[in-house]
C-alpha atoms as a PDB file:
ATOM      1  CA  MET A   1       0.000   0.000   0.000  1.00  0.00           C
ATOM      2  CA  GLN A   2       2.808   2.341   0.918  1.00  0.00           C
ATOM      3  CA  LYS A   3       4.633   1.527  -2.349  1.00  0.00           C
ATOM      4  CA  ALA A   4       1.505   2.285  -4.392  1.00  0.00           C
ATOM      5  CA  LYS A   5       1.144   5.734  -2.766  1.00  0.00           C
ATOM      6  CA  LEU A   6       4.805   6.530  -3.402  1.00  0.00           C
ATOM      7  CA  THR A   7       4.543   5.366  -7.019  1.00  0.00           C
ATOM      8  CA  LEU A   8       1.389   7.413  -7.637  1.00  0.00           C
ATOM      9  CA  THR A   9       2.908  10.497  -6.008  1.00  0.00           C
ATOM     10  CA  SER A  10       6.101  10.282  -8.035  1.00  0.00           C
ATOM     11  CA  LEU A  11       4.096   9.654 -11.240  1.00  0.00           C
ATOM     12  CA  ALA A  12       1.873  12.676 -10.549  1.00  0.00           C
ATOM     13  CA  PHE A  13       4.952  14.786  -9.814  1.00  0.00           C
ATOM     14  CA  ALA A  14       6.634  13.684 -13.075  1.00  0.00           C
ATOM     15  CA  MET A  15       3.481  14.436 -15.095  1.00  0.00           C
ATOM     16  CA  GLY A  16       3.238  17.873 -13.462  1.00  0.00           C
ATOM     17  CA  LEU A  17       6.843  18.654 -14.378  1.00  0.00           C
ATOM     18  CA  ALA A  18       6.261  17.497 -17.961  1.00  0.00           C
ATOM     19  CA  ALA A  19       3.180  19.730 -18.211  1.00  0.00           C
ATOM     20  CA  LEU A  20       5.081  22.752 -16.871  1.00  0.00           C
ATOM     21  CA  ALA A  21       7.975  22.197 -19.283  1.00  0.00           C
ATOM     22  CA  GLY A  22       5.764  23.179 -22.225  1.00  0.00           C
ATOM     23  CA  CYS A  23       4.421  26.318 -20.527  1.00  0.00           C
ATOM     24  CA  SER A  24       5.590  29.765 -21.396  1.00  0.00           C
ATOM     25  CA  PHE A  25       5.922  32.063 -18.396  1.00  0.00           C
ATOM     26  CA  PRO A  26       5.221  35.793 -18.910  1.00  0.00           C
ATOM     27  CA  GLY A  27       8.283  37.974 -18.668  1.00  0.00           C
ATOM     28  CA  VAL A  28      10.677  35.232 -19.735  1.00  0.00           C
ATOM     29  CA  TYR A  29      13.020  36.482 -22.466  1.00  0.00           C
ATOM     30  CA  LYS A  30      13.108  34.451 -25.666  1.00  0.00           C
ATOM     31  CA  ILE A  31      15.994  34.963 -28.052  1.00  0.00           C
ATOM     32  CA  ASP A  32      15.700  35.828 -31.740  1.00  0.00           C
ATOM     33  CA  ILE A  33      16.756  32.956 -33.974  1.00  0.00           C
ATOM     34  CA  GLN A  34      18.615  33.938 -37.159  1.00  0.00           C
ATOM     35  CA  GLN A  35      19.759  31.366 -39.667  1.00  0.00           C
ATOM     36  CA  GLY A  36      21.393  31.553 -43.081  1.00  0.00           C
ATOM     37  CA  ASN A  37      22.894  34.402 -45.085  1.00  0.00           C
ATOM     38  CA  VAL A  38      21.833  37.986 -44.430  1.00  0.00           C
ATOM     39  CA  VAL A  39      20.935  39.410 -47.842  1.00  0.00           C
ATOM     40  CA  THR A  40      20.015  43.076 -48.275  1.00  0.00           C
ATOM     41  CA  GLN A  41      18.549  44.976 -51.199  1.00  0.00           C
ATOM     42  CA  ASP A  42      21.808  46.941 -51.474  1.00  0.00           C
ATOM     43  CA  MET A  43      23.715  43.693 -52.058  1.00  0.00           C
ATOM     44  CA  ILE A  44      21.290  42.694 -54.820  1.00  0.00           C
ATOM     45  CA  ASP A  45      21.599  46.145 -56.425  1.00  0.00           C
ATOM     46  CA  GLN A  46      25.361  45.657 -56.772  1.00  0.00           C
ATOM     47  CA  LEU A  47      24.950  42.486 -58.841  1.00  0.00           C
ATOM     48  CA  LYS A  48      25.276  42.926 -62.603  1.00  0.00           C
ATOM     49  CA  PRO A  49      24.857  40.362 -65.386  1.00  0.00           C
ATOM     50  CA  GLY A  50      28.222  39.014 -66.530  1.00  0.00           C
ATOM     51  CA  MET A  51      29.896  39.170 -63.100  1.00  0.00           C
ATOM     52  CA  THR A  52      32.129  36.226 -62.288  1.00  0.00           C
ATOM     53  CA  ARG A  53      31.457  33.833 -59.420  1.00  0.00           C
ATOM     54  CA  ARG A  54      34.352  35.386 -57.543  1.00  0.00           C
ATOM     55  CA  GLN A  55      32.871  38.893 -57.832  1.00  0.00           C
ATOM     56  CA  VAL A  56      29.462  37.622 -56.732  1.00  0.00           C
ATOM     57  CA  ARG A  57      31.012  35.818 -53.756  1.00  0.00           C
ATOM     58  CA  PHE A  58      32.757  39.072 -52.762  1.00  0.00           C
ATOM     59  CA  ILE A  59      29.421  40.940 -52.690  1.00  0.00           C
ATOM     60  CA  MET A  60      27.091  38.253 -51.363  1.00  0.00           C
ATOM     61  CA  GLY A  61      29.370  35.992 -49.339  1.00  0.00           C
ATOM     62  CA  ASN A  62      29.411  32.206 -49.578  1.00  0.00           C
ATOM     63  CA  PRO A  63      26.107  30.673 -50.645  1.00  0.00           C
ATOM     64  CA  LEU A  64      24.208  28.636 -48.109  1.00  0.00           C
ATOM     65  CA  ILE A  65      23.399  25.923 -50.653  1.00  0.00           C
ATOM     66  CA  VAL A  66      25.517  24.806 -53.623  1.00  0.00           C
ATOM     67  CA  ASP A  67      23.577  21.959 -55.213  1.00  0.00           C
ATOM     68  CA  THR A  68      25.721  19.207 -56.714  1.00  0.00           C
ATOM     69  CA  PHE A  69      23.019  18.491 -59.297  1.00  0.00           C
ATOM     70  CA  HIS A  70      22.735  22.175 -60.286  1.00  0.00           C
ATOM     71  CA  ALA A  71      26.316  23.426 -60.187  1.00  0.00           C
ATOM     72  CA  ASN A  72      25.365  26.688 -61.920  1.00  0.00           C
ATOM     73  CA  ARG A  73      22.955  27.753 -59.161  1.00  0.00           C
ATOM     74  CA  TRP A  74      23.709  29.305 -55.783  1.00  0.00           C
ATOM     75  CA  ASP A  75      21.003  29.648 -53.132  1.00  0.00           C
ATOM     76  CA  TYR A  76      21.000  32.181 -50.322  1.00  0.00           C
ATOM     77  CA  LEU A  77      18.432  31.642 -47.563  1.00  0.00           C
ATOM     78  CA  TYR A  78      17.777  33.796 -44.518  1.00  0.00           C
ATOM     79  CA  SER A  79      15.351  33.000 -41.744  1.00  0.00           C
ATOM     80  CA  LEU A  80      14.456  35.134 -38.722  1.00  0.00           C
ATOM     81  CA  GLN A  81      12.183  34.139 -35.888  1.00  0.00           C
ATOM     82  CA  PRO A  82      11.786  36.863 -33.272  1.00  0.00           C
ATOM     83  CA  GLY A  83      11.480  35.481 -29.747  1.00  0.00           C
ATOM     84  CA  GLY A  84       8.081  33.855 -29.588  1.00  0.00           C
ATOM     85  CA  GLY A  85       7.002  35.386 -32.924  1.00  0.00           C
ATOM     86  CA  GLN A  86       6.243  34.220 -36.444  1.00  0.00           C
ATOM     87  CA  ARG A  87       9.193  33.052 -38.560  1.00  0.00           C
ATOM     88  CA  SER A  88       9.953  34.995 -41.745  1.00  0.00           C
ATOM     89  CA  GLN A  89      12.168  33.715 -44.547  1.00  0.00           C
ATOM     90  CA  GLU A  90      13.837  35.321 -47.574  1.00  0.00           C
ATOM     91  CA  ARG A  91      15.340  33.421 -50.496  1.00  0.00           C
ATOM     92  CA  VAL A  92      17.520  34.366 -53.471  1.00  0.00           C
ATOM     93  CA  SER A  93      18.855  32.023 -56.170  1.00  0.00           C
ATOM     94  CA  LEU A  94      21.641  33.155 -58.499  1.00  0.00           C
ATOM     95  CA  MET A  95      22.181  31.426 -61.844  1.00  0.00           C
ATOM     96  CA  PHE A  96      25.485  31.234 -63.736  1.00  0.00           C
ATOM     97  CA  ASN A  97      26.292  30.130 -67.283  1.00  0.00           C
ATOM     98  CA  ASP A  98      29.008  27.643 -68.278  1.00  0.00           C
ATOM     99  CA  ASN A  99      31.580  30.475 -68.351  1.00  0.00           C
ATOM    100  CA  ASP A 100      30.951  31.164 -64.621  1.00  0.00           C
ATOM    101  CA  GLN A 101      29.206  34.457 -65.334  1.00  0.00           C
ATOM    102  CA  LEU A 102      26.057  35.639 -63.592  1.00  0.00           C
ATOM    103  CA  ILE A 103      23.036  35.400 -65.901  1.00  0.00           C
ATOM    104  CA  GLY A 104      20.077  35.851 -63.573  1.00  0.00           C
ATOM    105  CA  LEU A 105      18.513  35.827 -60.154  1.00  0.00           C
ATOM    106  CA  ASN A 106      15.267  34.593 -58.691  1.00  0.00           C
ATOM    107  CA  GLY A 107      13.639  35.020 -55.307  1.00  0.00           C
ATOM    108  CA  ASP A 108      12.318  37.599 -52.877  1.00  0.00           C
ATOM    109  CA  PHE A 109      14.568  40.477 -54.014  1.00  0.00           C
ATOM    110  CA  ARG A 110      14.553  42.363 -57.304  1.00  0.00           C
ATOM    111  CA  PRO A 111      17.186  44.715 -58.733  1.00  0.00           C
ATOM    112  CA  GLY A 112      16.230  48.363 -58.439  1.00  0.00           C
ATOM    113  CA  VAL A 113      16.101  51.116 -55.878  1.00  0.00           C
ATOM    114  CA  SER A 114      17.186  49.924 -52.467  1.00  0.00           C
ATOM    115  CA  ARG A 115      14.858  50.347 -49.530  1.00  0.00           C
ATOM    116  CA  ASP A 116      17.305  52.714 -47.860  1.00  0.00           C
ATOM    117  CA  GLU A 117      17.539  54.942 -50.935  1.00  0.00           C
ATOM    118  CA  ALA A 118      13.771  54.948 -51.343  1.00  0.00           C
ATOM    119  CA  ILE A 119      13.304  55.984 -47.720  1.00  0.00           C
ATOM    120  CA  LEU A 120      15.967  58.684 -47.875  1.00  0.00           C
ATOM    121  CA  GLY A 121      14.724  59.935 -51.251  1.00  0.00           C
ATOM    122  CA  LYS A 122      18.110  59.637 -52.952  1.00  0.00           C
ATOM    123  CA  GLU A 123      18.274  59.127 -56.686  1.00  0.00           C
ATOM    124  CA  ALA A 124      18.870  55.626 -57.957  1.00  0.00           C
ATOM    125  CA  ALA A 125      21.881  54.599 -59.976  1.00  0.00           C
ATOM    126  CA  PRO A 126      21.614  55.043 -63.750  1.00  0.00           C
ATOM    127  CA  GLY A 127      19.634  52.287 -65.406  1.00  0.00           C
ATOM    128  CA  THR A 128      17.496  51.491 -62.361  1.00  0.00           C
ATOM    129  CA  PRO A 129      13.822  52.375 -62.216  1.00  0.00           C
ATOM    130  CA  GLN A 130      13.013  55.605 -60.421  1.00  0.00           C
ATOM    131  CA  GLN A 131      10.219  55.834 -57.933  1.00  0.00           C
ATOM    132  CA  PRO A 132       8.127  58.989 -58.067  1.00  0.00           C
ATOM    133  CA  THR A 133       9.115  61.564 -55.483  1.00  0.00           C
ATOM    134  CA  GLN A 134       6.466  63.097 -53.341  1.00  0.00           C
ATOM    135  CA  GLN A 135       6.275  66.874 -53.161  1.00  0.00           C
ATOM    136  CA  LYS A 136       6.029  68.449 -49.758  1.00  0.00           C
ATOM    137  CA  PRO A 137       2.828  70.384 -49.168  1.00  0.00           C
ATOM    138  CA  GLU A 138       3.195  74.156 -48.963  1.00  0.00           C
ATOM    139  CA  GLN A 139       3.233  75.575 -45.481  1.00  0.00           C
ATOM    140  CA  PRO A 140       0.398  78.035 -44.874  1.00  0.00           C
ATOM    141  CA  LYS A 141       1.567  81.613 -44.304  1.00  0.00           C
ATOM    142  CA  GLU A 142       1.303  82.787 -40.728  1.00  0.00           C
ATOM    143  CA  GLU A 143      -1.317  85.393 -40.067  1.00  0.00           C
ATOM    144  CA  PRO A 144      -0.797  87.996 -37.354  1.00  0.00           C
ATOM    145  CA  ALA A 145      -2.490  87.319 -34.050  1.00  0.00           C
ATOM    146  CA  LYS A 146      -5.925  88.797 -33.554  1.00  0.00           C
ATOM    147  CA  PRO A 147      -6.020  91.848 -31.294  1.00  0.00           C
ATOM    148  CA  GLY A 148      -6.900  90.968 -27.707  1.00  0.00           C
ATOM    149  CA  SER A 149      -6.135  87.246 -28.110  1.00  0.00           C
ATOM    150  CA  VAL A 150      -3.898  85.245 -25.792  1.00  0.00           C
ATOM    151  CA  GLU A 151      -1.500  84.685 -28.675  1.00  0.00           C
ATOM    152  CA  GLU A 152      -1.123  88.440 -29.206  1.00  0.00           C
ATOM    153  CA  GLN A 153      -0.550  88.996 -25.485  1.00  0.00           C
ATOM    154  CA  LEU A 154       2.167  86.306 -25.399  1.00  0.00           C
ATOM    155  CA  GLN A 155       3.843  87.773 -28.476  1.00  0.00           C
ATOM    156  CA  ARG A 156       3.843  91.253 -26.903  1.00  0.00           C
ATOM    157  CA  GLU A 157       5.451  89.868 -23.716  1.00  0.00           C
ATOM    158  CA  VAL A 158       8.140  88.116 -25.735  1.00  0.00           C
ATOM    159  CA  ASP A 159       8.860  91.265 -27.759  1.00  0.00           C
ATOM    160  CA  GLU A 160       9.091  93.434 -24.607  1.00  0.00           C
ATOM    161  CA  ALA A 161      11.448  91.067 -22.767  1.00  0.00           C
ATOM    162  CA  LYS A 162      14.824  92.649 -22.093  1.00  0.00           C
ATOM    163  CA  PRO A 163      18.007  90.569 -22.214  1.00  0.00           C
ATOM    164  CA  VAL A 164      19.792  90.046 -18.907  1.00  0.00           C
ATOM    165  CA  ALA A 165      23.518  89.541 -18.721  1.00  0.00           C
ATOM    166  CA  VAL A 166      24.622  86.213 -17.360  1.00  0.00           C
ATOM    167  CA  PRO A 167      27.013  86.692 -14.437  1.00  0.00           C
ATOM    168  CA  THR A 168      30.444  85.211 -14.919  1.00  0.00           C
ATOM    169  CA  PRO A 169      31.986  83.479 -11.919  1.00  0.00           C
ATOM    170  CA  GLN A 170      35.118  84.999 -10.404  1.00  0.00           C
ATOM    171  CA  PRO A 171      38.211  82.810 -10.554  1.00  0.00           C
ATOM    172  CA  LEU A 172      39.160  81.106  -7.338  1.00  0.00           C
ATOM    173  CA  ASP A 173      42.039  82.530  -5.383  1.00  0.00           C
ATOM    174  CA  LYS A 174      44.979  80.271  -6.057  1.00  0.00           C
ATOM    175  CA  ASN A 175      46.874  81.315  -2.927  1.00  0.00           C
ATOM    176  CA  PRO A 176      44.427  81.182   0.001  1.00  0.00           C
ATOM    177  CA  GLN A 177      45.882  82.509   3.273  1.00  0.00           C
END
């Protein structure tokens, strides 16, 4: 009888621990998980048809996947899963001809204006499509404050304020007696 109680208690304790192992406690930090090659739009914009494998490797880094059955194709994969969040993945495949020259790319990135340049409003390199620039709306001209308003009273007080000299501290006596 005593053995049965001990066995049941230990079994219940083990099941409780197993159930708690799958729980997520609030306030517990979960790390971001990054895997693969980081590929940016600026890297893709530097690629030009006819570049050699060596030039492409200098810009992009080593490919994540070099398929033995498709020797003329390099694959770059990048995966990011923020702590406890949804995983996102980006993929780029570069194709080479028999002369080891870049002939094309396929995937989530396209040549063109980089995201940074589009945000900053800089012009794209020659030969890349331009995105239309937005014109800033004209600022309305300021009208003088209406007589008797709080705004006019504040402006009058600011205009009548007289500057006050800031006192300069006296140097300390170097030879105290």
